[in-house]
């Protein structure tokens, strides 16, 4: 019985210690959509900040009505080679398409309701490689992953 337990533990440890053998992102700090064995870079941009109609509103806009990074998956998976970005501080938001651009309106007042970030699960693959999994099914549309407190955005479309 003891020998079987030792063999089982050795096999379990070996399975856990296997290295990741899939595709690796070319650029650091850029999330890539996983499509089978292919990686598609998300669209990196900076959202332009504008005052909203009310004093407690800020509008963030990204040029263009649609991202060139597209996925048919309702729950996409991303790979990120983390260098300067902190994966645990990334947030996922749905964007509205208006006037030929993608927008999100953030309200800061006490009674105001801002869009909530969608669930993004972070799993370490190895020291600098991170797997980001969307924890909900996304409807067709435009989305953005953004570091907390930053105007940097990584956009993609679900179709």
Protein backbone atom coordinates (compact mmCIF):
# COMPACT_ATOMS: atom_id res chain seq x y z
CA UNK A 1 0.00 0.00 0.00
CA UNK A 2 2.76 2.46 0.88
CA UNK A 3 4.58 1.80 -2.39
CA UNK A 4 1.41 2.54 -4.40
CA UNK A 5 0.99 5.81 -2.52
CA UNK A 6 4.59 6.83 -3.26
CA UNK A 7 4.18 6.00 -6.96
CA UNK A 8 0.91 7.95 -7.10
CA UNK A 9 2.48 11.00 -5.42
CA UNK A 10 5.48 10.93 -7.77
CA UNK A 11 3.19 10.72 -10.81
CA UNK A 12 0.99 13.54 -9.50
CA UNK A 13 4.02 15.75 -8.90
CA UNK A 14 5.36 15.00 -12.39
CA UNK A 15 2.03 15.97 -13.94
CA UNK A 16 2.00 19.27 -12.06
CA UNK A 17 5.61 20.03 -12.95
CA UNK A 18 5.09 19.77 -16.71
CA UNK A 19 5.99 22.93 -18.54
CA UNK A 20 3.57 24.84 -20.75
CA UNK A 21 4.11 23.72 -24.36
CA UNK A 22 1.61 25.94 -26.20
CA UNK A 23 2.13 29.17 -28.14
CA UNK A 24 3.79 32.10 -26.35
CA UNK A 25 3.02 35.81 -26.98
CA UNK A 26 5.63 37.71 -29.01
CA UNK A 27 5.27 40.99 -27.10
CA UNK A 28 5.23 41.51 -23.35
CA UNK A 29 2.35 43.36 -21.66
CA UNK A 30 -0.06 42.75 -24.56
CA UNK A 31 -2.93 40.27 -24.10
CA UNK A 32 -3.33 37.81 -26.97
CA UNK A 33 -6.58 36.02 -27.83
CA UNK A 34 -6.11 32.23 -27.90
CA UNK A 35 -7.61 30.66 -31.04
CA UNK A 36 -6.62 26.95 -31.08
CA UNK A 37 -2.81 27.07 -31.60
CA UNK A 38 -2.85 30.68 -32.83
CA UNK A 39 -2.45 33.86 -30.82
CA UNK A 40 -4.17 37.04 -31.99
CA UNK A 41 -2.87 40.29 -30.46
CA UNK A 42 -5.53 42.54 -28.96
CA UNK A 43 -5.73 46.11 -30.23
CA UNK A 44 -3.57 48.28 -27.96
CA UNK A 45 -4.73 51.91 -27.72
CA UNK A 46 -5.17 54.81 -25.33
CA UNK A 47 -8.71 55.86 -24.50
CA UNK A 48 -9.32 59.58 -24.88
CA UNK A 49 -10.79 61.07 -21.71
CA UNK A 50 -13.56 63.68 -22.01
CA UNK A 51 -15.90 65.31 -19.52
CA UNK A 52 -19.43 63.96 -19.66
CA UNK A 53 -22.65 65.95 -19.74
CA UNK A 54 -22.75 66.00 -15.93
CA UNK A 55 -19.94 67.00 -13.57
CA UNK A 56 -19.60 63.47 -12.14
CA UNK A 57 -19.29 61.80 -15.58
CA UNK A 58 -16.19 60.95 -17.59
CA UNK A 59 -16.41 59.54 -21.11
CA UNK A 60 -13.59 57.36 -22.43
CA UNK A 61 -13.48 56.92 -26.22
CA UNK A 62 -11.42 54.73 -28.54
CA UNK A 63 -11.19 55.57 -32.24
CA UNK A 64 -12.92 53.23 -34.68
CA UNK A 65 -16.23 51.40 -34.50
CA UNK A 66 -14.71 47.91 -34.22
CA UNK A 67 -11.50 46.27 -33.12
CA UNK A 68 -9.47 44.32 -35.67
CA UNK A 69 -8.89 41.62 -33.00
CA UNK A 70 -11.93 39.36 -33.26
CA UNK A 71 -13.08 36.13 -31.66
CA UNK A 72 -16.17 33.97 -32.14
CA UNK A 73 -15.85 32.68 -28.56
CA UNK A 74 -18.32 33.97 -25.96
CA UNK A 75 -15.84 33.17 -23.17
CA UNK A 76 -12.46 34.02 -24.69
CA UNK A 77 -9.11 33.09 -23.21
CA UNK A 78 -6.04 35.34 -23.35
CA UNK A 79 -2.33 34.78 -22.84
CA UNK A 80 -0.21 37.59 -21.45
CA UNK A 81 3.55 37.72 -21.03
CA UNK A 82 3.60 39.99 -17.97
CA UNK A 83 6.53 42.37 -17.60
CA UNK A 84 5.22 45.70 -16.28
CA UNK A 85 1.46 44.97 -16.21
CA UNK A 86 0.01 43.48 -13.05
CA UNK A 87 -2.46 40.87 -14.33
CA UNK A 88 -4.53 40.94 -11.14
CA UNK A 89 -5.26 44.64 -11.75
CA UNK A 90 -6.73 44.17 -15.23
CA UNK A 91 -10.42 44.87 -15.72
CA UNK A 92 -12.76 43.87 -18.55
CA UNK A 93 -15.51 46.21 -19.79
CA UNK A 94 -18.14 46.15 -22.54
CA UNK A 95 -17.94 49.19 -24.82
CA UNK A 96 -20.78 51.02 -26.57
CA UNK A 97 -20.38 51.91 -30.24
CA UNK A 98 -21.53 55.48 -30.93
CA UNK A 99 -20.58 58.06 -33.53
CA UNK A 100 -18.11 55.70 -35.22
CA UNK A 101 -16.09 55.06 -32.04
CA UNK A 102 -16.15 52.83 -28.96
CA UNK A 103 -17.11 54.49 -25.67
CA UNK A 104 -17.65 53.87 -21.99
CA UNK A 105 -19.20 56.37 -19.58
CA UNK A 106 -17.96 56.29 -15.99
CA UNK A 107 -19.97 58.02 -13.26
CA UNK A 108 -18.43 58.86 -9.89
CA UNK A 109 -21.37 60.34 -7.94
CA UNK A 110 -22.86 58.62 -4.89
CA UNK A 111 -26.12 57.67 -6.61
CA UNK A 112 -24.58 57.22 -10.06
CA UNK A 113 -24.33 53.78 -11.57
CA UNK A 114 -21.14 53.06 -13.54
CA UNK A 115 -20.63 49.95 -15.62
CA UNK A 116 -19.14 47.15 -13.53
CA UNK A 117 -16.11 45.27 -14.73
CA UNK A 118 -16.78 41.74 -15.97
CA UNK A 119 -15.13 38.78 -14.27
CA UNK A 120 -11.60 38.03 -15.49
CA UNK A 121 -9.86 35.04 -13.87
CA UNK A 122 -6.06 35.14 -13.69
CA UNK A 123 -4.05 31.90 -13.73
CA UNK A 124 -0.25 31.77 -13.69
CA UNK A 125 1.12 29.40 -16.34
CA UNK A 126 4.75 30.03 -15.37
CA UNK A 127 6.85 32.87 -13.96
CA UNK A 128 5.89 35.53 -16.51
CA UNK A 129 3.15 33.85 -18.57
CA UNK A 130 -0.44 34.40 -17.46
CA UNK A 131 -3.73 32.95 -18.70
CA UNK A 132 -6.73 35.29 -18.48
CA UNK A 133 -10.13 33.64 -18.68
CA UNK A 134 -13.40 35.51 -19.02
CA UNK A 135 -15.67 34.19 -16.27
CA UNK A 136 -18.99 34.94 -18.02
CA UNK A 137 -20.43 34.54 -21.49
CA UNK A 138 -19.98 37.73 -23.49
CA UNK A 139 -22.63 38.95 -25.90
CA UNK A 140 -21.55 39.99 -29.38
CA UNK A 141 -19.92 43.41 -29.28
CA UNK A 142 -16.84 45.42 -28.42
CA UNK A 143 -14.80 44.91 -25.25
CA UNK A 144 -11.75 46.35 -23.55
CA UNK A 145 -9.25 45.05 -21.02
CA UNK A 146 -7.67 47.90 -19.08
CA UNK A 147 -5.31 48.22 -16.09
CA UNK A 148 -7.00 49.87 -13.09
CA UNK A 149 -6.43 53.63 -13.08
CA UNK A 150 -5.06 53.75 -16.63
CA UNK A 151 -6.33 54.98 -20.01
CA UNK A 152 -4.44 52.15 -21.74
CA UNK A 153 -6.83 49.67 -23.35
CA UNK A 154 -6.57 46.33 -25.09
CA UNK A 155 -9.62 45.95 -27.31
CA UNK A 156 -11.27 43.00 -29.02
CA UNK A 157 -14.61 42.08 -30.63
CA UNK A 158 -16.86 39.11 -29.99
CA UNK A 159 -18.92 38.17 -33.04
